[in-house]
Amino acid sequence: KQWYQRRVAITAGGTTLDVLDEFLALYRTNLTDWGATILAKALYLQSMKQTQSNFDRVMRLLDTLHRSFPYDLQLTWCFSILDSRQVNSNAKMKGTLLEYMSCTFDVMGPVQFI
């Protein structure tokens, strides 16, 4: 019931990105298999030209992804996105993905690279 009340409040005044961000925050433990798909879509949206409010929503979604999952899992997603055909034709998305990976590397400790 709590999720339903929050969803109605978000849907009434927000967008799909807001709902996805809230859904991800609530159910992150069940979404590890979908992480690569969500990350790929968020990075694609970030690489497109868009309004400032949409850009802020995408950044908030990326931040939620970044905080919600272990770094090694996030890097696995990044490498699977790099191997996929989604990135090959979109240079802006490649740059966005590499920037995301760089930010992930910055917060990882040396032990996590082993």
C-alpha atoms as a PDB file:
ATOM      1  CA  LYS A   1       0.000   0.000   0.000  1.00  0.00           C
ATOM      2  CA  GLN A   2       2.858   2.393   0.793  1.00  0.00           C
ATOM      3  CA  TRP A   3       4.359   1.897  -2.692  1.00  0.00           C
ATOM      4  CA  TYR A   4       0.968   2.510  -4.309  1.00  0.00           C
ATOM      5  CA  GLN A   5       0.478   5.792  -2.437  1.00  0.00           C
ATOM      6  CA  ARG A   6       3.976   6.987  -3.347  1.00  0.00           C
ATOM      7  CA  ARG A   7       3.501   5.948  -6.982  1.00  0.00           C
ATOM      8  CA  VAL A   8       0.259   7.864  -7.315  1.00  0.00           C
ATOM      9  CA  ALA A   9       1.861  10.974  -5.827  1.00  0.00           C
ATOM     10  CA  ILE A  10       4.839  10.748  -8.174  1.00  0.00           C
ATOM     11  CA  THR A  11       2.826   9.968 -11.301  1.00  0.00           C
ATOM     12  CA  ALA A  12       0.477  12.856 -10.703  1.00  0.00           C
ATOM     13  CA  GLY A  13       3.270  15.431 -10.645  1.00  0.00           C
ATOM     14  CA  GLY A  14       6.263  13.787 -12.306  1.00  0.00           C
ATOM     15  CA  THR A  15       7.487  11.878 -15.311  1.00  0.00           C
ATOM     16  CA  THR A  16       8.439   8.339 -16.152  1.00  0.00           C
ATOM     17  CA  LEU A  17      12.031   9.082 -15.106  1.00  0.00           C
ATOM     18  CA  ASP A  18      10.859  10.155 -11.657  1.00  0.00           C
ATOM     19  CA  VAL A  19       8.813   6.969 -11.288  1.00  0.00           C
ATOM     20  CA  LEU A  20      11.739   4.836 -12.457  1.00  0.00           C
ATOM     21  CA  ASP A  21      14.053   6.574  -9.987  1.00  0.00           C
ATOM     22  CA  GLU A  22      11.646   5.966  -7.105  1.00  0.00           C
ATOM     23  CA  PHE A  23      11.018   2.373  -8.189  1.00  0.00           C
ATOM     24  CA  LEU A  24      14.754   1.752  -8.372  1.00  0.00           C
ATOM     25  CA  ALA A  25      15.306   3.207  -4.908  1.00  0.00           C
ATOM     26  CA  LEU A  26      12.607   0.984  -3.407  1.00  0.00           C
ATOM     27  CA  TYR A  27      13.274  -2.303  -5.225  1.00  0.00           C
ATOM     28  CA  ARG A  28      16.985  -2.194  -6.008  1.00  0.00           C
ATOM     29  CA  THR A  29      17.650  -5.616  -4.464  1.00  0.00           C
ATOM     30  CA  ASN A  30      15.287  -7.229  -6.977  1.00  0.00           C
ATOM     31  CA  LEU A  31      16.532  -5.280  -9.998  1.00  0.00           C
ATOM     32  CA  THR A  32      20.144  -6.411 -10.357  1.00  0.00           C
ATOM     33  CA  ASP A  33      19.308  -8.284 -13.572  1.00  0.00           C
ATOM     34  CA  TRP A  34      17.715  -5.145 -15.037  1.00  0.00           C
ATOM     35  CA  GLY A  35      20.511  -2.794 -14.019  1.00  0.00           C
ATOM     36  CA  ALA A  36      22.351  -2.913 -17.341  1.00  0.00           C
ATOM     37  CA  THR A  37      19.170  -2.152 -19.252  1.00  0.00           C
ATOM     38  CA  ILE A  38      18.247   0.757 -16.980  1.00  0.00           C
ATOM     39  CA  LEU A  39      21.811   2.103 -17.085  1.00  0.00           C
ATOM     40  CA  ALA A  40      21.960   1.870 -20.888  1.00  0.00           C
ATOM     41  CA  LYS A  41      18.671   3.722 -21.263  1.00  0.00           C
ATOM     42  CA  ALA A  42      19.690   6.421 -18.769  1.00  0.00           C
ATOM     43  CA  LEU A  43      23.052   6.931 -20.495  1.00  0.00           C
ATOM     44  CA  TYR A  44      21.331   7.123 -23.875  1.00  0.00           C
ATOM     45  CA  LEU A  45      18.917   9.748 -22.547  1.00  0.00           C
ATOM     46  CA  GLN A  46      21.780  11.709 -21.023  1.00  0.00           C
ATOM     47  CA  SER A  47      23.635  11.748 -24.345  1.00  0.00           C
ATOM     48  CA  MET A  48      20.652  13.286 -26.165  1.00  0.00           C
ATOM     49  CA  LYS A  49      19.829  16.970 -26.345  1.00  0.00           C
ATOM     50  CA  GLN A  50      17.116  17.707 -23.818  1.00  0.00           C
ATOM     51  CA  THR A  51      15.664  20.275 -21.486  1.00  0.00           C
ATOM     52  CA  GLN A  52      17.377  21.090 -18.201  1.00  0.00           C
ATOM     53  CA  SER A  53      14.596  19.485 -16.149  1.00  0.00           C
ATOM     54  CA  ASN A  54      14.884  16.212 -18.089  1.00  0.00           C
ATOM     55  CA  PHE A  55      18.669  16.330 -17.784  1.00  0.00           C
ATOM     56  CA  ASP A  56      18.316  16.746 -14.004  1.00  0.00           C
ATOM     57  CA  ARG A  57      15.961  13.749 -13.847  1.00  0.00           C
ATOM     58  CA  VAL A  58      18.390  11.574 -15.810  1.00  0.00           C
ATOM     59  CA  MET A  59      21.271  12.656 -13.556  1.00  0.00           C
ATOM     60  CA  ARG A  60      19.203  11.813 -10.468  1.00  0.00           C
ATOM     61  CA  LEU A  61      18.443   8.370 -11.948  1.00  0.00           C
ATOM     62  CA  LEU A  62      22.148   7.786 -12.673  1.00  0.00           C
ATOM     63  CA  ASP A  63      22.995   8.868  -9.141  1.00  0.00           C
ATOM     64  CA  THR A  64      20.453   6.424  -7.715  1.00  0.00           C
ATOM     65  CA  LEU A  65      21.931   3.642  -9.834  1.00  0.00           C
ATOM     66  CA  HIS A  66      25.412   4.596  -8.695  1.00  0.00           C
ATOM     67  CA  ARG A  67      24.462   4.538  -5.002  1.00  0.00           C
ATOM     68  CA  SER A  68      22.264   1.429  -5.160  1.00  0.00           C
ATOM     69  CA  PHE A  69      24.512  -1.263  -6.575  1.00  0.00           C
ATOM     70  CA  PRO A  70      28.035  -2.578  -5.924  1.00  0.00           C
ATOM     71  CA  TYR A  71      30.700  -0.991  -8.089  1.00  0.00           C
ATOM     72  CA  ASP A  72      31.919  -4.279  -9.554  1.00  0.00           C
ATOM     73  CA  LEU A  73      28.389  -5.035 -10.751  1.00  0.00           C
ATOM     74  CA  GLN A  74      28.106  -1.562 -12.275  1.00  0.00           C
ATOM     75  CA  LEU A  75      31.362  -2.071 -14.166  1.00  0.00           C
ATOM     76  CA  THR A  76      30.094  -5.426 -15.441  1.00  0.00           C
ATOM     77  CA  TRP A  77      27.041  -3.602 -16.778  1.00  0.00           C
ATOM     78  CA  CYS A  78      29.259  -0.958 -18.368  1.00  0.00           C
ATOM     79  CA  PHE A  79      31.371  -3.565 -20.137  1.00  0.00           C
ATOM     80  CA  SER A  80      28.263  -5.383 -21.374  1.00  0.00           C
ATOM     81  CA  ILE A  81      26.907  -2.078 -22.734  1.00  0.00           C
ATOM     82  CA  LEU A  82      30.252  -1.428 -24.457  1.00  0.00           C
ATOM     83  CA  ASP A  83      30.076  -4.880 -26.054  1.00  0.00           C
ATOM     84  CA  SER A  84      26.524  -4.362 -27.256  1.00  0.00           C
ATOM     85  CA  ARG A  85      25.558  -2.664 -30.484  1.00  0.00           C
ATOM     86  CA  GLN A  86      23.790   0.173 -28.639  1.00  0.00           C
ATOM     87  CA  VAL A  87      26.976   2.165 -28.187  1.00  0.00           C
ATOM     88  CA  ASN A  88      28.740   1.534 -31.494  1.00  0.00           C
ATOM     89  CA  SER A  89      26.788   4.058 -33.526  1.00  0.00           C
ATOM     90  CA  ASN A  90      26.404   6.726 -30.853  1.00  0.00           C
ATOM     91  CA  ALA A  91      29.645   8.566 -30.045  1.00  0.00           C
ATOM     92  CA  LYS A  92      27.942  10.768 -27.441  1.00  0.00           C
ATOM     93  CA  MET A  93      26.691   7.714 -25.589  1.00  0.00           C
ATOM     94  CA  LYS A  94      30.204   6.231 -25.648  1.00  0.00           C
ATOM     95  CA  GLY A  95      31.529   9.407 -24.047  1.00  0.00           C
ATOM     96  CA  THR A  96      28.756   9.397 -21.458  1.00  0.00           C
ATOM     97  CA  LEU A  97      29.422   5.742 -20.624  1.00  0.00           C
ATOM     98  CA  LEU A  98      33.165   6.324 -20.276  1.00  0.00           C
ATOM     99  CA  GLU A  99      32.493   9.313 -18.024  1.00  0.00           C
ATOM    100  CA  TYR A 100      30.213   7.155 -15.850  1.00  0.00           C
ATOM    101  CA  MET A 101      32.916   4.482 -15.647  1.00  0.00           C
ATOM    102  CA  SER A 102      35.511   7.118 -14.726  1.00  0.00           C
ATOM    103  CA  CYS A 103      33.313   8.360 -11.884  1.00  0.00           C
ATOM    104  CA  THR A 104      32.917   4.770 -10.698  1.00  0.00           C
ATOM    105  CA  PHE A 105      36.682   4.234 -10.774  1.00  0.00           C
ATOM    106  CA  ASP A 106      37.183   7.431  -8.741  1.00  0.00           C
ATOM    107  CA  VAL A 107      35.094   6.194  -5.824  1.00  0.00           C
ATOM    108  CA  MET A 108      36.404   2.635  -5.827  1.00  0.00           C
ATOM    109  CA  GLY A 109      39.149   1.630  -3.462  1.00  0.00           C
ATOM    110  CA  PRO A 110      42.321  -0.114  -4.686  1.00  0.00           C
ATOM    111  CA  VAL A 111      41.192  -3.422  -3.177  1.00  0.00           C
ATOM    112  CA  GLN A 112      38.044  -3.426  -5.286  1.00  0.00           C
ATOM    113  CA  PHE A 113      40.074  -3.620  -8.498  1.00  0.00           C
ATOM    114  CA  ILE A 114      41.441  -7.039  -7.638  1.00  0.00           C
END
